[in-house]
Amino acid sequence: MPCFRRLSIPKGSYRIQLETVRSDQLMPANSAARNDPKIALGTLCSDDDLSRCYGFEIECELLSIIANSAFVSDELLSFHCVEGASLEAQCAQAKRTGASLLLVTRVLAKEDRVEAYLSVIDPWDQRVINNTRLSTGFSGSLSHQMASLVSEAVGAQVIDPINGCVLKKIFRLHPESRIAHLASVFSFMSNQDRSLLPKALAAARSVSQTSAVARALLVDMTRASYCFATDPDIREVVPLADAADDLVEESPNCIWANLALGYAGIANHRQDLIGRAISSAEALSPLGAQMADLNLLKSLHAPAVGTWQSGPETPGNEELSVFDLIRTGYAAVKDSKNDVAHDALSKAHHADVFWVQAFQISALSERGQQHDACRVFKRMKKAHPAVQNYMHRAVSTMIPDADLSCRMSAELDRASQ
């Protein structure tokens, strides 16, 4: 019977290890019955010592990133390493594990740069589904820094459910899997579309019995449902603070639980919970959308004016996520003199997102541009029918600064006249 390498974390240890197991031992006991997806990981390097050295470093760091993913801890996904000097050999091993996807990191290293690509491959017909260039050059960086940058880029593509290419494919390949059921939650998080909330809430609830990630998302979708008044049975957010706190105690390494705690703290004006959630989430090395979500939480928690600024690392406006745009909008209304944030907010490409419009109205009102504020409100009312029924509740549960929350609510009222 063929044997393979499996990534595991021994009980009582903080270090990952690769163990050799038989193919019939690859999956957790309940995973096959739950139709949880299996993914194979491989690395192919150019035939030189430098590329092989970088390839080994990248593979080790990537395995560490994946091992620390809450999706792996919950067994929503399982990853298995395959070896071989050719794509054909790695595909053959991936097929024997029953993997539906093979992810191959291709590495070509030179003295001052590492070229890396992530190829998403169907191992059954060796078809390349997606090929993503992960790096260009890192002039002056140390070798371990280059390896870390590449492995983090691969990790984001693999385990980011909002911006990564791999999980989006998994959602389509395994629509009945537990992680695919959570796709509607991540869709809501990515665009804040109120109409998605009932489905997102039901999806999180359906998986919550078997997944700490789903329980954390259920708390957050309950908060969002209260915020946008989509479920008449959800009448308060106070219990969510204790629920999220219990989740973090149960699963301290689940970043989704820590983010849920932070936003429950925002909704309940609990600065102690927000600060604790931020500290814990930072220690879990978030990637991709998780990092953007954490940065938003940090901005909402920041007591000082001028905590947001554009810099060389700030992406162009068309690349900003909803999390980044909300953070930008908050900076603009927090500091009416922040011209950079005001300019970015005025050009926001997610123009019909409630939060973007609410911040635009407030920022325009603060600058005496009431006619423009009223124009944005008309657009808001068209995009969000009955918005006047929930806009004050939304602002009060998202803006921890009580004075700013009251001011924004008043400015929304004036714009609605």
Protein backbone atom coordinates (compact mmCIF):
# COMPACT_ATOMS: atom_id res chain seq x y z
CA MET A 1 0.00 0.00 0.00
CA PRO A 2 1.46 3.43 -0.96
CA CYS A 3 2.60 5.83 1.74
CA PHE A 4 2.52 9.65 1.80
CA ARG A 5 3.56 12.57 3.98
CA ARG A 6 0.95 14.26 6.15
CA LEU A 7 1.26 17.56 7.96
CA SER A 8 0.44 17.26 11.66
CA ILE A 9 0.91 18.98 15.00
CA PRO A 10 1.67 16.47 17.78
CA LYS A 11 -0.48 16.83 20.89
CA GLY A 12 1.13 19.14 23.41
CA SER A 13 3.54 20.56 20.85
CA TYR A 14 3.74 23.84 18.96
CA ARG A 15 5.93 22.45 16.18
CA ILE A 16 4.64 20.91 13.00
CA GLN A 17 5.97 17.63 11.69
CA LEU A 18 5.66 15.58 8.51
CA GLU A 19 4.73 12.01 9.28
CA THR A 20 4.66 9.02 6.94
CA VAL A 21 1.25 7.35 6.75
CA ARG A 22 -0.51 4.78 4.61
CA SER A 23 -3.02 6.06 2.08
CA ASP A 24 -5.93 4.52 4.00
CA GLN A 25 -4.96 6.61 7.05
CA LEU A 26 -4.81 9.96 5.31
CA MET A 27 -8.20 11.32 6.23
CA PRO A 28 -9.69 12.04 9.68
CA ALA A 29 -12.40 9.56 10.66
CA ASN A 30 -15.39 11.78 9.90
CA SER A 31 -13.91 13.77 7.04
CA ALA A 32 -14.89 11.45 4.18
CA ALA A 33 -18.46 11.21 5.43
CA ARG A 34 -18.62 15.02 5.56
CA ASN A 35 -17.18 15.36 2.05
CA ASP A 36 -14.46 17.73 3.27
CA PRO A 37 -12.02 18.60 0.47
CA LYS A 38 -8.51 17.19 0.16
CA ILE A 39 -5.75 19.27 -1.40
CA ALA A 40 -2.26 18.12 -2.39
CA LEU A 41 0.78 20.38 -2.09
CA GLY A 42 3.92 20.09 -4.19
CA THR A 43 7.02 22.12 -5.01
CA LEU A 44 9.00 22.13 -8.26
CA CYS A 45 12.32 23.94 -8.47
CA SER A 46 14.73 24.79 -11.24
CA ASP A 47 17.64 22.38 -11.43
CA ASP A 48 20.16 24.39 -9.42
CA ASP A 49 21.19 24.43 -5.78
CA LEU A 50 19.96 27.98 -5.08
CA SER A 51 16.44 27.28 -6.38
CA ARG A 52 16.26 24.00 -4.45
CA CYS A 53 17.39 25.78 -1.28
CA TYR A 54 14.73 28.45 -1.66
CA GLY A 55 12.15 25.82 -2.60
CA PHE A 56 12.82 23.93 0.63
CA GLU A 57 12.52 27.11 2.73
CA ILE A 58 9.33 28.15 0.98
CA GLU A 59 7.78 24.72 1.40
CA CYS A 60 8.59 24.63 5.14
CA GLU A 61 7.18 28.09 5.76
CA LEU A 62 4.09 27.37 3.69
CA LEU A 63 3.43 24.20 5.67
CA SER A 64 3.70 26.20 8.89
CA ILE A 65 1.20 28.77 7.59
CA ILE A 66 -1.28 26.10 6.52
CA ALA A 67 -0.84 24.12 9.75
CA ASN A 68 -1.86 27.22 11.71
CA SER A 69 -4.98 27.81 9.61
CA ALA A 70 -8.25 27.47 11.47
CA PHE A 71 -9.65 25.65 8.44
CA VAL A 72 -7.11 22.86 9.00
CA SER A 73 -7.65 22.77 12.78
CA ASP A 74 -11.38 22.34 12.14
CA GLU A 75 -10.71 19.70 9.47
CA LEU A 76 -12.72 21.77 6.99
CA LEU A 77 -9.76 21.17 4.68
CA SER A 78 -6.93 18.66 4.66
CA PHE A 79 -3.59 19.10 2.94
CA HIS A 80 -1.12 16.40 1.93
CA CYS A 81 2.41 16.80 0.61
CA VAL A 82 3.42 15.07 -2.59
CA GLU A 83 6.91 14.65 -3.98
CA GLY A 84 8.42 14.07 -7.39
CA ALA A 85 10.75 15.70 -9.85
CA SER A 86 8.01 16.22 -12.42
CA LEU A 87 4.44 17.46 -12.55
CA GLU A 88 3.33 14.05 -13.81
CA ALA A 89 4.81 12.30 -10.75
CA GLN A 90 3.19 14.77 -8.36
CA CYS A 91 -0.18 14.44 -10.11
CA ALA A 92 0.02 10.67 -9.78
CA GLN A 93 0.64 10.94 -6.04
CA ALA A 94 -2.14 13.54 -5.65
CA LYS A 95 -4.60 11.21 -7.35
CA ARG A 96 -3.73 8.41 -4.94
CA THR A 97 -4.53 10.67 -1.97
CA GLY A 98 -7.93 11.44 -3.50
CA ALA A 99 -7.08 15.15 -3.74
CA SER A 100 -9.35 17.24 -5.92
CA LEU A 101 -6.65 19.88 -6.47
CA LEU A 102 -2.87 19.87 -6.66
CA LEU A 103 -1.14 23.13 -5.74
CA VAL A 104 2.38 23.37 -7.09
CA THR A 105 4.75 26.18 -6.13
CA ARG A 106 7.30 26.61 -8.90
CA VAL A 107 10.54 28.28 -7.84
CA LEU A 108 13.34 29.84 -9.87
CA ALA A 109 15.91 31.64 -7.72
CA LYS A 110 18.66 34.07 -8.62
CA GLU A 111 21.03 35.98 -6.37
CA ASP A 112 18.80 39.02 -5.98
CA ARG A 113 15.33 37.70 -6.70
CA VAL A 114 13.01 34.73 -6.46
CA GLU A 115 10.54 34.04 -9.24
CA ALA A 116 7.65 31.95 -7.97
CA TYR A 117 4.34 30.82 -9.42
CA LEU A 118 1.43 28.99 -7.85
CA SER A 119 -0.16 26.53 -10.26
CA VAL A 120 -3.59 25.16 -9.38
CA ILE A 121 -3.90 21.84 -11.19
CA ASP A 122 -6.56 19.21 -11.65
CA PRO A 123 -4.47 16.11 -10.86
CA TRP A 124 -6.87 13.81 -12.69
CA ASP A 125 -6.23 15.28 -16.13
CA GLN A 126 -3.16 17.42 -15.30
CA ARG A 127 -5.01 20.51 -16.48
CA VAL A 128 -3.70 23.87 -15.18
CA ILE A 129 -6.73 25.69 -13.77
CA ASN A 130 -4.96 28.79 -12.58
CA ASN A 131 -1.40 30.08 -12.71
CA THR A 132 -0.53 33.02 -10.43
CA ARG A 133 2.76 34.89 -10.44
CA LEU A 134 3.68 35.49 -6.82
CA SER A 135 6.85 37.54 -6.95
CA THR A 136 9.12 39.62 -9.12
CA GLY A 137 12.22 40.68 -7.24
CA PHE A 138 13.20 41.74 -3.75
CA SER A 139 16.38 43.67 -4.21
CA GLY A 140 18.46 43.84 -1.05
CA SER A 141 16.28 41.39 0.89
CA LEU A 142 17.85 38.59 2.86
CA SER A 143 17.24 35.08 1.62
CA HIS A 144 14.89 34.14 4.45
CA GLN A 145 12.91 37.34 3.84
CA MET A 146 12.45 36.44 0.19
CA ALA A 147 11.35 32.93 1.14
CA SER A 148 8.88 34.35 3.68
CA LEU A 149 7.40 36.80 1.17
CA VAL A 150 6.82 34.01 -1.34
CA SER A 151 5.39 31.56 1.21
CA GLU A 152 3.03 34.21 2.57
CA ALA A 153 1.87 35.02 -0.96
CA VAL A 154 1.21 31.33 -1.60
CA GLY A 155 -0.50 30.98 1.77
CA ALA A 156 -2.83 33.89 1.03
CA GLN A 157 -3.83 32.36 -2.30
CA VAL A 158 -4.46 29.01 -0.60
CA ILE A 159 -6.34 29.84 2.62
CA ASP A 160 -7.85 33.29 2.01
CA PRO A 161 -11.57 32.59 1.40
CA ILE A 162 -12.24 36.05 -0.02
CA ASN A 163 -9.32 36.94 -2.27
CA GLY A 164 -7.52 33.62 -2.71
CA CYS A 165 -7.97 31.61 -5.89
CA VAL A 166 -7.90 28.14 -4.30
CA LEU A 167 -10.90 28.21 -1.97
CA LYS A 168 -13.10 29.79 -4.61
CA LYS A 169 -12.39 26.75 -6.77
CA ILE A 170 -13.03 24.41 -3.82
CA PHE A 171 -16.43 26.03 -3.25
CA ARG A 172 -17.40 25.09 -6.81
CA LEU A 173 -15.88 21.60 -6.77
CA HIS A 174 -17.36 20.59 -3.41
CA PRO A 175 -20.66 22.48 -3.03
CA GLU A 176 -21.86 20.06 -0.32
CA SER A 177 -18.75 20.37 1.84
CA ARG A 178 -18.86 22.26 5.12
CA ILE A 179 -16.45 24.93 3.93
CA ALA A 180 -18.50 25.51 0.77
CA HIS A 181 -21.57 26.09 2.93
CA LEU A 182 -19.68 29.02 4.45
CA ALA A 183 -19.07 30.63 1.04
CA SER A 184 -22.12 32.89 1.44
CA VAL A 185 -20.65 34.20 4.71
CA PHE A 186 -17.44 35.18 2.98
CA SER A 187 -19.42 36.70 0.09
CA PHE A 188 -21.22 38.97 2.55
CA MET A 189 -17.97 39.90 4.23
CA SER A 190 -16.41 40.85 0.90
CA ASN A 191 -19.16 43.23 -0.26
CA GLN A 192 -21.41 43.92 2.77
CA ASP A 193 -24.49 43.17 0.67
CA ARG A 194 -27.39 43.16 3.15
CA SER A 195 -29.46 40.82 0.98
CA LEU A 196 -26.91 38.03 1.54
CA LEU A 197 -27.24 38.08 5.33
CA PRO A 198 -30.17 35.66 5.79
CA LYS A 199 -28.40 33.01 3.72
CA ALA A 200 -25.05 33.72 5.41
CA LEU A 201 -26.58 33.44 8.88
CA ALA A 202 -28.31 30.15 8.00
CA ALA A 203 -25.10 28.77 6.47
CA ALA A 204 -23.00 29.54 9.54
CA ARG A 205 -25.67 28.01 11.76
CA SER A 206 -25.80 24.83 9.67
CA VAL A 207 -22.08 24.12 10.14
CA SER A 208 -21.68 25.48 13.68
CA GLN A 209 -22.15 22.13 15.42
CA THR A 210 -18.95 20.73 13.92
CA SER A 211 -16.75 23.78 13.37
CA ALA A 212 -15.26 26.45 15.62
CA VAL A 213 -14.78 28.64 12.54
CA ALA A 214 -18.50 28.40 11.77
CA ARG A 215 -19.41 29.20 15.38
CA ALA A 216 -17.26 32.33 15.21
CA LEU A 217 -18.81 33.34 11.89
CA LEU A 218 -22.27 32.69 13.35
CA VAL A 219 -21.57 35.22 16.11
CA ASP A 220 -20.36 37.75 13.55
CA MET A 221 -23.28 37.18 11.16
CA THR A 222 -25.68 37.56 14.10
CA ARG A 223 -24.06 40.91 14.87
CA ALA A 224 -24.32 41.95 11.22
CA SER A 225 -27.96 40.80 11.07
CA TYR A 226 -28.75 43.01 14.05
CA CYS A 227 -26.75 45.86 12.54
CA PHE A 228 -28.69 45.73 9.25
CA ALA A 229 -32.00 44.63 10.82
CA THR A 230 -32.45 41.58 8.61
CA ASP A 231 -33.75 39.21 11.32
CA PRO A 232 -36.57 40.41 13.61
CA ASP A 233 -35.69 37.71 16.13
CA ILE A 234 -32.29 39.29 16.78
CA ARG A 235 -33.11 42.16 19.12
CA GLU A 236 -29.83 42.89 20.89
CA VAL A 237 -26.07 42.47 20.62
CA VAL A 238 -25.16 42.36 24.31
CA PRO A 239 -25.13 38.52 24.50
CA LEU A 240 -22.73 38.36 21.55
CA ALA A 241 -19.85 39.75 23.62
CA ASP A 242 -20.05 36.82 26.06
CA ALA A 243 -20.61 34.33 23.22
CA ALA A 244 -17.52 35.56 21.37
CA ASP A 245 -15.49 35.59 24.59
CA ASP A 246 -16.43 31.96 25.22
CA LEU A 247 -15.43 31.07 21.65
CA VAL A 248 -11.98 32.59 22.07
CA GLU A 249 -11.52 30.67 25.32
CA GLU A 250 -12.58 27.48 23.52
CA SER A 251 -10.48 28.10 20.38
CA PRO A 252 -7.82 30.73 21.17
CA ASN A 253 -5.94 30.08 17.91
CA CYS A 254 -8.98 30.60 15.69
CA ILE A 255 -8.50 34.04 14.14
CA TRP A 256 -12.17 34.18 13.13
CA ALA A 257 -13.14 33.85 16.81
CA ASN A 258 -10.82 36.71 17.75
CA LEU A 259 -12.17 38.94 14.97
CA ALA A 260 -15.73 38.12 16.06
CA LEU A 261 -14.78 39.11 19.62
CA GLY A 262 -13.35 42.40 18.39
CA TYR A 263 -16.45 43.37 16.42
CA ALA A 264 -18.74 42.23 19.25
CA GLY A 265 -16.68 44.57 21.41
CA ILE A 266 -17.22 47.39 18.88
CA ALA A 267 -20.99 46.80 18.87
CA ASN A 268 -21.09 46.81 22.68
CA HIS A 269 -18.55 49.63 23.16
CA ARG A 270 -16.30 47.26 25.10
CA GLN A 271 -12.79 48.61 24.63
CA ASP A 272 -11.32 45.82 26.76
CA LEU A 273 -12.63 43.16 24.40
CA ILE A 274 -11.50 45.03 21.30
CA GLY A 275 -7.96 45.46 22.57
CA ARG A 276 -7.67 41.83 23.64
CA ALA A 277 -9.03 40.61 20.31
CA ILE A 278 -6.55 42.74 18.36
CA SER A 279 -3.57 41.50 20.38
CA SER A 280 -4.59 37.86 19.96
CA ALA A 281 -5.37 38.19 16.25
CA GLU A 282 -2.02 39.88 15.54
CA ALA A 283 -0.20 36.96 17.13
CA LEU A 284 -1.93 34.55 14.74
CA SER A 285 -0.19 35.99 11.64
CA PRO A 286 -3.27 36.87 9.57
CA LEU A 287 -3.04 36.88 5.78
CA GLY A 288 -5.02 38.49 2.98
CA ALA A 289 -8.57 39.45 3.89
CA GLN A 290 -7.97 38.52 7.52
CA MET A 291 -5.25 41.16 7.71
CA ALA A 292 -7.51 43.74 6.02
CA ASP A 293 -10.29 42.92 8.48
CA LEU A 294 -7.89 43.19 11.41
CA ASN A 295 -6.56 46.54 10.15
CA LEU A 296 -10.12 47.84 10.01
CA LEU A 297 -10.75 46.66 13.57
CA LYS A 298 -7.54 48.39 14.71
CA SER A 299 -8.57 51.63 13.00
CA LEU A 300 -12.01 51.57 14.62
CA HIS A 301 -10.36 50.97 17.99
CA ALA A 302 -7.68 53.66 17.58
CA PRO A 303 -8.37 56.60 19.90
CA ALA A 304 -6.27 59.14 18.04
CA VAL A 305 -7.07 61.20 14.95
CA GLY A 306 -4.93 60.58 11.90
CA THR A 307 -4.32 56.85 12.41
CA TRP A 308 -4.82 56.10 8.71
CA GLN A 309 -2.53 57.35 6.02
CA SER A 310 -1.58 56.46 2.50
CA GLY A 311 1.93 55.30 1.84
CA PRO A 312 4.07 53.55 -0.76
CA GLU A 313 2.57 50.21 0.32
CA THR A 314 -1.03 51.40 -0.01
CA PRO A 315 -2.71 49.79 -3.05
CA GLY A 316 -4.43 51.85 -5.71
CA ASN A 317 -8.06 52.72 -5.05
CA GLU A 318 -9.28 50.13 -7.53
CA GLU A 319 -7.45 47.45 -5.51
CA LEU A 320 -8.80 48.42 -2.10
CA SER A 321 -11.00 45.83 -0.41
CA VAL A 322 -14.25 46.74 1.30
CA PHE A 323 -12.38 46.52 4.61
CA ASP A 324 -9.82 49.06 3.36
CA LEU A 325 -12.52 51.39 2.05
CA ILE A 326 -14.42 51.34 5.33
CA ARG A 327 -11.15 52.10 7.12
CA THR A 328 -10.54 54.95 4.70
CA GLY A 329 -14.05 56.31 5.23
CA TYR A 330 -13.67 56.16 8.98
CA ALA A 331 -10.41 58.09 8.75
CA ALA A 332 -12.09 60.75 6.60
CA VAL A 333 -14.94 61.39 9.05
CA LYS A 334 -12.67 61.11 12.07
CA ASP A 335 -10.39 63.84 10.72
CA SER A 336 -11.96 66.35 8.35
CA LYS A 337 -8.47 67.58 7.41
CA ASN A 338 -7.30 64.20 6.14
CA ASP A 339 -7.31 65.12 2.45
CA VAL A 340 -5.79 61.81 1.34
CA ALA A 341 -8.56 59.80 2.99
CA HIS A 342 -11.24 62.19 1.66
CA ASP A 343 -9.91 61.86 -1.87
CA ALA A 344 -9.77 58.05 -1.68
CA LEU A 345 -13.30 57.94 -0.23
CA SER A 346 -14.71 60.14 -2.99
CA LYS A 347 -13.28 57.80 -5.63
CA ALA A 348 -14.33 54.55 -3.92
CA HIS A 349 -15.06 51.88 -6.49
CA HIS A 350 -17.46 50.03 -4.16
CA ALA A 351 -19.79 52.98 -4.60
CA ASP A 352 -22.99 51.22 -3.50
CA VAL A 353 -21.68 49.70 -0.27
CA PHE A 354 -23.72 51.12 2.62
CA TRP A 355 -20.67 51.99 4.70
CA VAL A 356 -18.91 53.78 1.87
CA GLN A 357 -22.01 55.89 1.21
CA ALA A 358 -22.58 56.61 4.91
CA PHE A 359 -19.02 57.86 5.30
CA GLN A 360 -19.26 59.88 2.08
CA ILE A 361 -22.40 61.62 3.35
CA SER A 362 -20.80 62.42 6.70
CA ALA A 363 -17.54 63.63 5.15
CA LEU A 364 -19.33 65.86 2.64
CA SER A 365 -21.56 67.30 5.37
CA GLU A 366 -18.54 68.09 7.53
CA ARG A 367 -17.04 70.04 4.64
CA GLY A 368 -20.25 71.99 4.05
CA GLN A 369 -21.13 70.19 0.80
CA GLN A 370 -24.70 69.44 1.79
CA HIS A 371 -26.04 69.32 -1.77
CA ASP A 372 -23.53 66.58 -2.61
CA ALA A 373 -24.36 64.75 0.62
CA CYS A 374 -28.05 64.72 -0.33
CA ARG A 375 -27.16 63.41 -3.78
CA VAL A 376 -25.23 60.50 -2.25
CA PHE A 377 -28.15 59.75 0.06
CA LYS A 378 -30.50 59.49 -2.93
CA ARG A 379 -28.11 56.98 -4.44
CA MET A 380 -27.96 55.15 -1.11
CA LYS A 381 -31.76 54.98 -0.90
CA LYS A 382 -31.92 53.55 -4.41
CA ALA A 383 -29.27 50.92 -3.67
CA HIS A 384 -30.63 50.12 -0.20
CA PRO A 385 -34.45 50.38 -0.01
CA ALA A 386 -35.75 51.06 3.51
CA VAL A 387 -32.27 52.17 4.56
CA GLN A 388 -33.82 54.72 6.95
CA ASN A 389 -35.17 51.81 9.00
CA TYR A 390 -31.73 50.57 9.99
CA MET A 391 -29.08 53.21 9.22
CA HIS A 392 -28.95 54.58 12.78
CA ARG A 393 -28.68 51.10 14.28
CA ALA A 394 -25.93 50.24 11.80
CA VAL A 395 -23.87 53.31 12.65
CA SER A 396 -24.29 52.87 16.41
CA THR A 397 -23.06 49.26 16.30
CA MET A 398 -20.10 49.91 14.00
CA ILE A 399 -18.71 53.23 15.25
CA PRO A 400 -17.30 52.89 18.80
CA ASP A 401 -16.81 56.64 19.21
CA ALA A 402 -20.19 57.73 20.67
CA ASP A 403 -19.82 61.38 19.65
CA LEU A 404 -18.86 60.47 16.09
CA SER A 405 -21.70 57.95 15.90
CA CYS A 406 -24.25 60.58 16.94
CA ARG A 407 -22.79 63.08 14.49
CA MET A 408 -22.96 60.63 11.60
CA SER A 409 -26.56 59.75 12.44
CA ALA A 410 -27.52 63.42 12.47
CA GLU A 411 -25.78 63.99 9.13
CA LEU A 412 -27.58 61.03 7.59
CA ASP A 413 -30.88 62.50 8.81
CA ARG A 414 -30.11 65.90 7.28
CA ALA A 415 -29.11 64.33 3.97
CA SER A 416 -32.38 62.36 3.89
CA GLN A 417 -34.54 65.50 4.08
